[in-house]
Protein backbone atom coordinates (compact mmCIF):
# COMPACT_ATOMS: atom_id res chain seq x y z
CA UNK A 1 -17.31 2.78 -113.71
CA UNK A 2 -18.37 -0.87 -113.52
CA UNK A 3 -16.33 -3.33 -115.58
CA UNK A 4 -18.85 -5.69 -117.16
CA UNK A 5 -18.70 -9.06 -118.88
CA UNK A 6 -21.62 -9.57 -121.26
CA UNK A 7 -23.22 -12.96 -121.83
CA UNK A 8 -25.26 -13.88 -124.89
CA UNK A 9 -27.02 -17.24 -124.87
CA UNK A 10 -29.50 -17.31 -127.75
CA UNK A 11 -31.38 -20.42 -128.76
CA UNK A 12 -30.33 -22.11 -132.00
CA UNK A 13 -33.27 -20.70 -133.97
CA UNK A 14 -31.72 -17.19 -133.76
CA UNK A 15 -29.37 -16.48 -136.66
CA UNK A 16 -25.69 -15.88 -135.77
CA UNK A 17 -25.80 -12.35 -137.24
CA UNK A 18 -28.89 -11.44 -135.23
CA UNK A 19 -27.44 -12.98 -132.07
CA UNK A 20 -24.33 -10.85 -132.49
CA UNK A 21 -26.37 -7.70 -133.03
CA UNK A 22 -28.37 -8.45 -129.87
CA UNK A 23 -25.14 -8.70 -127.88
CA UNK A 24 -23.82 -5.46 -129.39
CA UNK A 25 -27.09 -3.77 -128.42
CA UNK A 26 -26.56 -5.04 -124.87
CA UNK A 27 -23.16 -3.37 -125.03
CA UNK A 28 -24.79 -0.07 -126.01
CA UNK A 29 -27.22 -0.45 -123.12
CA UNK A 30 -24.28 -1.04 -120.77
CA UNK A 31 -22.59 2.10 -122.07
CA UNK A 32 -25.82 4.07 -121.59
CA UNK A 33 -25.95 2.81 -117.98
CA UNK A 34 -22.39 4.04 -117.39
CA UNK A 35 -20.60 0.69 -117.52
CA UNK A 36 -17.59 -0.46 -119.55
CA UNK A 37 -17.64 -3.73 -121.45
CA UNK A 38 -14.44 -5.72 -120.86
CA UNK A 39 -15.39 -9.06 -122.46
CA UNK A 40 -18.20 -11.00 -124.12
CA UNK A 41 -19.10 -14.66 -123.58
CA UNK A 42 -21.27 -16.49 -126.10
CA UNK A 43 -23.06 -19.83 -126.11
CA UNK A 44 -25.85 -21.16 -128.30
CA UNK A 45 -28.26 -23.32 -126.33
CA UNK A 46 -31.12 -25.69 -127.05
CA UNK A 47 -32.93 -24.66 -123.86
CA UNK A 48 -31.96 -22.71 -120.74
CA UNK A 49 -30.25 -24.65 -117.96
CA UNK A 50 -32.64 -24.39 -114.97
CA UNK A 51 -29.70 -23.77 -112.58
CA UNK A 52 -27.42 -21.42 -114.51
CA UNK A 53 -29.19 -20.63 -117.81
CA UNK A 54 -25.96 -21.40 -119.70
CA UNK A 55 -24.26 -24.80 -119.39
CA UNK A 56 -22.39 -25.71 -116.21
CA UNK A 57 -19.07 -25.79 -118.10
CA UNK A 58 -19.74 -22.40 -119.69
CA UNK A 59 -20.58 -21.00 -116.24
CA UNK A 60 -17.13 -22.08 -115.02
CA UNK A 61 -15.60 -20.47 -118.12
CA UNK A 62 -17.53 -17.28 -117.29
CA UNK A 63 -15.98 -17.30 -113.80
CA UNK A 64 -12.49 -17.48 -115.33
CA UNK A 65 -13.26 -14.62 -117.75
CA UNK A 66 -14.51 -12.49 -114.85
CA UNK A 67 -11.29 -13.12 -112.92
CA UNK A 68 -9.05 -12.57 -115.96
CA UNK A 69 -10.61 -9.19 -116.77
CA UNK A 70 -11.10 -8.19 -113.12
CA UNK A 71 -14.75 -7.54 -113.84
CA UNK A 72 -17.17 -6.63 -111.08
CA UNK A 73 -20.39 -7.24 -112.98
CA UNK A 74 -21.90 -9.85 -115.33
CA UNK A 75 -24.83 -8.89 -117.57
CA UNK A 76 -26.95 -11.51 -119.37
CA UNK A 77 -28.89 -10.62 -122.52
CA UNK A 78 -31.65 -12.99 -121.39
CA UNK A 79 -34.00 -12.74 -118.43
CA UNK A 80 -32.81 -14.86 -115.51
CA UNK A 81 -34.94 -16.47 -112.85
CA UNK A 82 -34.13 -15.51 -109.23
CA UNK A 83 -32.54 -18.95 -108.69
CA UNK A 84 -30.39 -18.72 -111.84
CA UNK A 85 -29.12 -15.29 -110.80
CA UNK A 86 -28.28 -16.50 -107.31
CA UNK A 87 -26.42 -19.58 -108.60
CA UNK A 88 -24.44 -17.55 -111.13
CA UNK A 89 -23.40 -15.06 -108.47
CA UNK A 90 -22.16 -17.93 -106.30
CA UNK A 91 -20.09 -19.28 -109.22
CA UNK A 92 -18.64 -16.01 -110.53
CA UNK A 93 -18.26 -14.19 -107.21
CA UNK A 94 -19.62 -10.93 -108.66
CA UNK A 95 -23.01 -9.35 -109.12
CA UNK A 96 -25.11 -10.77 -111.97
CA UNK A 97 -27.74 -8.72 -113.81
CA UNK A 98 -30.06 -9.58 -116.67
CA UNK A 99 -31.27 -7.40 -119.53
CA UNK A 100 -34.57 -6.32 -117.89
CA UNK A 101 -32.74 -5.18 -114.74
CA UNK A 102 -30.24 -3.22 -116.84
CA UNK A 103 -33.04 -1.47 -118.72
CA UNK A 104 -34.76 -0.63 -115.44
CA UNK A 105 -31.50 0.84 -114.14
CA UNK A 106 -31.17 3.04 -117.25
CA UNK A 107 -34.74 4.23 -116.90
CA UNK A 108 -34.09 5.08 -113.24
CA UNK A 109 -31.14 7.32 -114.13
CA UNK A 110 -32.88 9.06 -117.05
CA UNK A 111 -36.32 9.68 -115.56
CA UNK A 112 -36.82 13.42 -115.12
CA UNK A 113 -40.46 14.13 -114.27
CA UNK A 114 -42.05 12.96 -111.03
CA UNK A 115 -44.39 10.75 -113.05
CA UNK A 116 -41.56 9.00 -114.87
CA UNK A 117 -39.68 8.48 -111.61
CA UNK A 118 -42.75 6.92 -109.99
CA UNK A 119 -43.32 4.68 -113.03
CA UNK A 120 -39.73 3.44 -112.97
CA UNK A 121 -39.73 2.92 -109.20
CA UNK A 122 -42.92 0.88 -109.46
CA UNK A 123 -41.41 -1.33 -112.17
CA UNK A 124 -38.17 -1.76 -110.19
CA UNK A 125 -40.00 -2.77 -107.01
CA UNK A 126 -42.19 -5.27 -108.86
CA UNK A 127 -39.05 -6.74 -110.43
CA UNK A 128 -37.26 -6.78 -107.06
CA UNK A 129 -39.99 -8.41 -105.00
CA UNK A 130 -39.42 -12.05 -106.07
CA UNK A 131 -35.63 -11.50 -105.99
CA UNK A 132 -35.26 -10.16 -102.46
CA UNK A 133 -33.24 -13.13 -101.23
CA UNK A 134 -30.54 -12.31 -103.80
CA UNK A 135 -30.89 -8.54 -103.91
CA UNK A 136 -31.56 -7.93 -100.20
CA UNK A 137 -31.62 -4.27 -99.41
CA UNK A 138 -33.22 -1.90 -96.94
CA UNK A 139 -35.63 0.69 -98.28
CA UNK A 140 -33.75 3.30 -96.30
CA UNK A 141 -35.67 6.20 -97.83
CA UNK A 142 -39.08 4.71 -97.07
CA UNK A 143 -40.56 6.56 -94.16
CA UNK A 144 -41.56 4.42 -91.22
CA UNK A 145 -39.22 1.50 -91.97
CA UNK A 146 -37.78 1.47 -88.43
CA UNK A 147 -40.03 0.03 -85.78
CA UNK A 148 -42.35 -1.84 -88.13
CA UNK A 149 -40.79 -5.23 -87.41
CA UNK A 150 -43.08 -7.42 -85.36
CA UNK A 151 -42.01 -10.17 -82.96
CA UNK A 152 -40.51 -13.08 -84.85
CA UNK A 153 -40.44 -11.29 -88.23
CA UNK A 154 -37.29 -11.45 -90.31
CA UNK A 155 -35.86 -8.40 -92.05
CA UNK A 156 -36.70 -10.06 -95.37
CA UNK A 157 -40.38 -10.28 -94.42
CA UNK A 158 -40.33 -6.67 -93.28
CA UNK A 159 -38.83 -5.54 -96.58
CA UNK A 160 -41.46 -7.50 -98.49
CA UNK A 161 -44.20 -5.77 -96.54
CA UNK A 162 -42.63 -2.33 -97.05
CA UNK A 163 -42.25 -2.94 -100.78
CA UNK A 164 -45.86 -4.10 -101.01
CA UNK A 165 -47.03 -0.89 -99.32
CA UNK A 166 -44.84 1.26 -101.53
CA UNK A 167 -46.14 -0.49 -104.67
CA UNK A 168 -49.74 0.16 -103.58
CA UNK A 169 -48.88 3.81 -102.84
CA UNK A 170 -47.21 4.30 -106.25
CA UNK A 171 -50.15 2.71 -108.07
CA UNK A 172 -52.54 5.06 -106.29
CA UNK A 173 -50.45 8.14 -107.14
CA UNK A 174 -50.05 7.09 -110.77
CA UNK A 175 -53.80 6.60 -111.01
CA UNK A 176 -54.24 10.21 -109.87
CA UNK A 177 -51.72 11.35 -112.51
CA UNK A 178 -53.63 9.37 -115.14
CA UNK A 179 -56.84 11.18 -114.18
CA UNK A 180 -55.06 14.54 -114.47
CA UNK A 181 -53.75 13.55 -117.91
CA UNK A 182 -57.26 12.63 -118.98
CA UNK A 183 -58.46 16.10 -117.97
CA UNK A 184 -55.64 17.66 -120.03
CA UNK A 185 -56.59 15.54 -123.04
CA UNK A 186 -60.23 16.64 -122.78
CA UNK A 187 -58.99 20.20 -123.11
CA UNK A 188 -57.44 19.24 -126.45
CA UNK A 189 -60.59 17.69 -127.90
CA UNK A 190 -61.18 18.81 -131.44
CA UNK A 191 -57.47 19.23 -132.12
CA UNK A 192 -55.75 16.81 -134.50
CA UNK A 193 -53.21 14.74 -132.57
CA UNK A 194 -50.40 12.44 -133.66
CA UNK A 195 -48.01 10.39 -131.52
CA UNK A 196 -44.48 9.22 -132.30
CA UNK A 197 -43.77 5.59 -131.42
CA UNK A 198 -40.82 3.44 -132.35
CA UNK A 199 -37.68 1.62 -131.34
CA UNK A 200 -35.33 3.52 -129.08
CA UNK A 201 -32.87 5.74 -130.96
CA UNK A 202 -34.94 5.64 -134.16
CA UNK A 203 -34.91 9.45 -134.19
CA UNK A 204 -38.33 10.31 -132.72
CA UNK A 205 -37.06 13.28 -130.70
CA UNK A 206 -35.06 14.57 -133.66
CA UNK A 207 -38.19 14.38 -135.78
CA UNK A 208 -40.24 16.25 -133.17
CA UNK A 209 -37.60 18.97 -133.02
CA UNK A 210 -37.43 19.24 -136.82
CA UNK A 211 -41.21 19.46 -137.24
CA UNK A 212 -41.90 21.83 -134.34
CA UNK A 213 -38.77 23.95 -134.37
CA UNK A 214 -38.71 23.74 -130.56
CA UNK A 215 -35.85 22.85 -128.26
CA UNK A 216 -36.29 19.13 -127.58
CA UNK A 217 -33.56 16.99 -126.00
CA UNK A 218 -31.81 14.93 -128.69
CA UNK A 219 -28.99 12.49 -127.94
CA UNK A 220 -27.54 9.63 -129.97
CA UNK A 221 -28.06 7.22 -127.07
CA UNK A 222 -30.59 4.60 -126.14
CA UNK A 223 -33.52 5.96 -124.11
CA UNK A 224 -32.37 9.58 -124.31
CA UNK A 225 -35.75 10.70 -122.98
CA UNK A 226 -38.52 8.98 -121.07
CA UNK A 227 -41.06 11.74 -120.55
CA UNK A 228 -43.69 12.29 -123.20
CA UNK A 229 -43.36 15.72 -124.84
CA UNK A 230 -46.11 17.43 -126.85
CA UNK A 231 -45.51 20.26 -129.29
CA UNK A 232 -47.67 22.07 -131.84
CA UNK A 233 -46.49 21.58 -135.41
CA UNK A 234 -47.43 23.36 -138.63
CA UNK A 235 -48.93 21.28 -141.42
CA UNK A 236 -49.77 22.43 -144.93
CA UNK A 237 -52.70 24.63 -145.99
CA UNK A 238 -52.45 26.59 -142.74
CA UNK A 239 -53.40 23.69 -140.47
CA UNK A 240 -51.72 22.66 -137.22
CA UNK A 241 -51.52 19.49 -135.15
CA UNK A 242 -50.30 18.37 -131.74
CA UNK A 243 -47.41 15.90 -131.94
CA UNK A 244 -46.37 13.83 -128.90
CA UNK A 245 -43.05 12.03 -128.49
CA UNK A 246 -43.31 8.85 -126.39
CA UNK A 247 -40.79 6.56 -124.70
CA UNK A 248 -38.85 4.32 -127.08
CA UNK A 249 -39.32 0.57 -127.17
CA UNK A 250 -36.64 -2.14 -127.25
CA UNK A 251 -36.32 -5.91 -127.44
CA UNK A 252 -37.39 -7.69 -124.24
CA UNK A 253 -38.72 -4.51 -122.66
CA UNK A 254 -39.53 -5.54 -119.07
CA UNK A 255 -43.26 -6.17 -118.82
CA UNK A 256 -43.37 -4.39 -115.44
CA UNK A 257 -42.01 -1.30 -117.19
CA UNK A 258 -44.55 -1.50 -120.01
CA UNK A 259 -47.35 -1.75 -117.45
CA UNK A 260 -45.98 1.18 -115.43
CA UNK A 261 -45.77 3.45 -118.48
CA UNK A 262 -49.34 2.81 -119.58
CA UNK A 263 -50.51 6.22 -118.35
CA UNK A 264 -47.77 7.98 -120.35
CA UNK A 265 -48.66 5.94 -123.42
CA UNK A 266 -52.31 6.94 -123.07
CA UNK A 267 -51.21 9.94 -125.15
CA UNK A 268 -50.69 7.48 -127.99
CA UNK A 269 -54.05 5.84 -127.34
CA UNK A 270 -55.85 9.17 -127.74
CA UNK A 271 -53.96 10.16 -130.90
CA UNK A 272 -55.72 10.29 -134.26
CA UNK A 273 -52.73 8.56 -135.85
CA UNK A 274 -49.51 6.87 -134.69
CA UNK A 275 -46.29 7.74 -136.50
CA UNK A 276 -44.25 4.54 -136.30
CA UNK A 277 -40.69 5.83 -136.68
CA UNK A 278 -38.07 3.39 -137.98
CA UNK A 279 -34.32 3.83 -138.40
CA UNK A 280 -34.11 3.02 -142.12
CA UNK A 281 -30.32 2.68 -141.91
CA UNK A 282 -30.30 0.04 -139.16
CA UNK A 283 -29.34 -3.46 -140.33
CA UNK A 284 -32.08 -5.01 -138.19
CA UNK A 285 -34.79 -2.50 -138.98
CA UNK A 286 -37.36 -5.18 -139.82
CA UNK A 287 -36.85 -6.91 -136.46
CA UNK A 288 -37.20 -3.53 -134.74
CA UNK A 289 -40.51 -2.97 -136.54
CA UNK A 290 -41.69 -6.37 -135.26
CA UNK A 291 -40.64 -5.49 -131.70
CA UNK A 292 -42.58 -2.21 -131.77
CA UNK A 293 -45.62 -3.90 -133.30
CA UNK A 294 -45.49 -6.50 -130.52
CA UNK A 295 -45.35 -3.86 -127.76
CA UNK A 296 -48.19 -1.93 -129.41
CA UNK A 297 -50.22 -5.15 -129.38
CA UNK A 298 -49.45 -5.67 -125.68
CA UNK A 299 -50.71 -2.13 -125.04
CA UNK A 300 -53.85 -2.63 -127.18
CA UNK A 301 -52.63 0.11 -129.52
CA UNK A 302 -52.16 -2.05 -132.61
CA UNK A 303 -55.59 -1.12 -133.98
CA UNK A 304 -54.82 2.61 -134.01
CA UNK A 305 -54.25 4.12 -137.50
CA UNK A 306 -50.53 4.14 -138.32
CA UNK A 307 -48.16 5.80 -140.74
CA UNK A 308 -44.74 4.19 -141.16
CA UNK A 309 -42.06 6.90 -141.01
CA UNK A 310 -38.76 5.59 -142.34
CA UNK A 311 -36.23 8.01 -140.84
CA UNK A 312 -32.48 8.53 -141.42
CA UNK A 313 -32.76 7.95 -145.16
CA UNK A 314 -29.81 10.33 -145.59
CA UNK A 315 -27.64 7.39 -144.49
CA UNK A 316 -28.84 5.21 -147.38
CA UNK A 317 -27.49 5.08 -150.91
CA UNK A 318 -30.11 5.93 -153.60
CA UNK A 319 -30.32 2.29 -154.67
CA UNK A 320 -30.87 1.16 -151.08
CA UNK A 321 -33.65 3.70 -150.61
CA UNK A 322 -35.41 2.59 -153.81
CA UNK A 323 -35.19 -1.06 -152.71
CA UNK A 324 -36.60 -0.16 -149.29
CA UNK A 325 -39.53 1.69 -150.88
CA UNK A 326 -40.38 -1.28 -153.09
CA UNK A 327 -40.04 -3.80 -150.26
CA UNK A 328 -42.20 -1.70 -147.93
CA UNK A 329 -44.95 -1.30 -150.53
CA UNK A 330 -44.93 -5.05 -151.22
CA UNK A 331 -44.93 -6.28 -147.61
CA UNK A 332 -46.58 -3.63 -145.42
CA UNK A 333 -50.08 -2.29 -146.10
CA UNK A 334 -49.57 0.73 -143.86
CA UNK A 335 -48.97 4.07 -145.61
CA UNK A 336 -45.30 5.03 -145.51
CA UNK A 337 -43.15 8.14 -145.89
CA UNK A 338 -39.38 8.24 -146.28
CA UNK A 339 -37.43 11.13 -144.81
CA UNK A 340 -34.57 12.39 -142.72
CA UNK A 341 -35.08 14.63 -139.72
CA UNK A 342 -31.86 16.39 -140.79
CA UNK A 343 -33.15 17.24 -144.29
CA UNK A 344 -36.06 19.71 -143.92
CA UNK A 345 -37.21 19.34 -147.53
CA UNK A 346 -37.98 15.64 -146.94
CA UNK A 347 -40.45 16.49 -144.17
CA UNK A 348 -43.02 17.98 -146.53
CA UNK A 349 -44.43 14.60 -147.53
CA UNK A 350 -45.13 13.84 -143.87
CA UNK A 351 -46.80 17.24 -143.40
CA UNK A 352 -48.94 16.59 -146.49
CA UNK A 353 -49.87 13.11 -145.27
CA UNK A 354 -50.89 14.42 -141.85
CA UNK A 355 -52.88 17.24 -143.44
CA UNK A 356 -54.78 14.71 -145.55
CA UNK A 357 -55.55 12.73 -142.38
CA UNK A 358 -56.73 15.89 -140.64
CA UNK A 359 -58.99 16.94 -143.51
CA UNK A 360 -60.48 13.44 -143.71
CA UNK A 361 -61.98 14.13 -140.28
CA UNK A 362 -63.92 17.07 -141.69
CA UNK A 363 -66.89 17.56 -143.99
CA UNK A 364 -67.13 20.50 -146.39
CA UNK A 365 -70.70 21.89 -146.09
CA UNK A 366 -72.84 24.65 -147.59
CA UNK A 367 -75.66 25.54 -145.22
CA UNK A 368 -78.75 27.77 -145.14
CA UNK A 369 -79.53 29.14 -141.65
CA UNK A 370 -82.03 31.58 -140.17
CA UNK A 371 -80.43 34.95 -139.51
CA UNK A 372 -80.91 34.40 -135.80
CA UNK A 373 -79.05 31.06 -135.67
CA UNK A 374 -76.04 32.49 -133.85
CA UNK A 375 -75.56 29.26 -131.86
CA UNK A 376 -74.83 27.39 -135.12
CA UNK A 377 -72.19 29.92 -136.14
CA UNK A 378 -70.67 29.72 -132.65
CA UNK A 379 -70.28 25.94 -132.76
CA UNK A 380 -68.81 26.12 -136.29
CA UNK A 381 -66.23 28.66 -135.07
CA UNK A 382 -65.47 26.53 -132.01
CA UNK A 383 -65.17 23.10 -133.63
CA UNK A 384 -64.53 23.80 -137.30
CA UNK A 385 -63.69 26.54 -139.76
CA UNK A 386 -66.03 29.14 -141.27
CA UNK A 387 -64.94 29.61 -144.88
CA UNK A 388 -67.54 32.11 -146.16
CA UNK A 389 -70.95 33.57 -145.33
CA UNK A 390 -73.48 35.86 -147.03
CA UNK A 391 -77.10 36.87 -146.62
CA UNK A 392 -79.43 35.72 -149.37
CA UNK A 393 -83.27 35.88 -149.46
CA UNK A 394 -83.47 36.66 -145.76
CA UNK A 395 -81.32 33.71 -144.80
CA UNK A 396 -77.67 33.18 -144.04
CA UNK A 397 -75.76 31.01 -146.48
CA UNK A 398 -72.63 29.54 -144.94
CA UNK A 399 -69.71 27.56 -146.28
CA UNK A 400 -67.80 25.70 -143.58
CA UNK A 401 -65.41 22.84 -142.86
CA UNK A 402 -66.57 20.99 -139.76
CA UNK A 403 -65.84 17.67 -138.01
CA UNK A 404 -67.84 14.76 -139.41
CA UNK A 405 -69.64 14.32 -136.09
CA UNK A 406 -70.76 17.97 -136.08
CA UNK A 407 -71.88 17.67 -139.71
CA UNK A 408 -74.15 14.82 -138.65
CA UNK A 409 -75.66 16.90 -135.86
CA UNK A 410 -76.23 19.89 -138.16
CA UNK A 411 -78.02 17.71 -140.70
CA UNK A 412 -80.49 16.68 -138.01
CA UNK A 413 -81.45 20.24 -137.05
CA UNK A 414 -84.80 21.33 -138.54
CA UNK A 415 -83.65 24.96 -138.85
CA UNK A 416 -80.56 24.07 -140.91
CA UNK A 417 -80.65 23.13 -144.61
CA UNK A 418 -77.59 21.38 -146.07
CA UNK A 419 -77.21 22.45 -149.71
CA UNK A 420 -74.56 19.93 -150.70
CA UNK A 421 -74.37 16.20 -150.03
CA UNK A 422 -76.98 13.97 -148.47
C-alpha cells in the first residue's frame, strides 16, 4: 500500500472550511485508490508557482515531510503541468501525482465492462501523452511495439507514435459501441426513461436498487460503479419506466475522462428527465450541486428536464430538513423531492412525480373510427393504451391514452373523428 502525502494549495478566494473539505475528499480518493494518507501539507497561494505550483520554500518543506513519514507518493489536489510535476519529483525524490491522475487511476481499477475499460484507457493515454518525459513507460501490452523503431528514432518518439495509434484505435472502437447503444435506445422508443446523475457517493445506486428491487452494486465509496445500469421500475397507477444509473461526477473531473464517457452518458441525453441526486446530509451539498450542473453544461445536458432528488434525508434532523425544503424552494426553480433510499415510504413522492411526467407525454382521446380501421387500433396498442371501446351506430368508439405525437397524427386522419379536444 502506497504511503501518500497530500498537498492542498487553494487560492485565497476559497474559504478555509471548503479548502479543508477538498483535502479530506482527496484523502477519500486516495483510500479508494488503495493508498494510505500519512500526512497533509497545506498552503494558500495567490497564484500557482510556474515551477513547483506551491512556493519554493513550501516545496522544500514537502521534501522534509516526505522523508519524515517515509512516504513514497505525493498527491496534489490541483492539476499540475508536466514541468511542475517533473520539478516536484526532483525535489521530493518520490513520485508526484495530481488529482486528475488519481481519479483516472481509480477509474482504471473499477472499470468492469469492456466499454468502460476502453473509455478509461483512452482518457489515461490522452493525459499521459504530454507527460511522457516524466512518466516514460513502454506500452508492453501493445501488439507490434517491438521492431517499429526507425533509424534515429528515440524510444520516447516511438512511444508517442504507439500511443497516438492506440488512441485512434480506441476512438474508433468506442464509436462502434456508441452506434450499438443508439440501436439499443431505438428499441426502447416509446418507453418513459429517466437517468440518475449526481456527485459521486450521493446514493444513485442505492436509489436504483430501492426503486427497482434488483441487485445493484452499492458501496459507500467514491466511484463504486462506472458502468451505466438500466432497470425497469414500477411507478404509480400501473405505469413503468426505465431508470438508468450513470457514472458519478466530482470536482475537477479530468476533461479527458468526461470526453471519453460521452457515449455512456448518451443514456442521460436520451432520457425524458434527469434525476439530479444530491446527498442532503453533506456539508458541501450546494457546491456539489454546482459541480454537477457544471459537468452537465459541459456535456450539453443542462437543458434536459430535471428533478432534484435530495437523498439521505434520514441523516437530517426534522428542523434541518424543513430548512432545506424552504431554501430549495426559494433558490432553485427545479422541482424537488426529499427522500431516503433506505426508507421505502419516502420513495412514493418520486414515483408520483415520475408518473405525472409520464402522463404529461400522453393525450387522453375519445375517437370515432370505421369498423375496419384495424391499423389505428394496432398503433394505439403499440404506442399507447386502449382504455375502452364499443360499437355505436356502425362505428367504433374508442377511449385511449396515446403519446402527444400520435394524437397529432390521428387528428390529421380523415377517417378518424376526435370527440374531445381540438
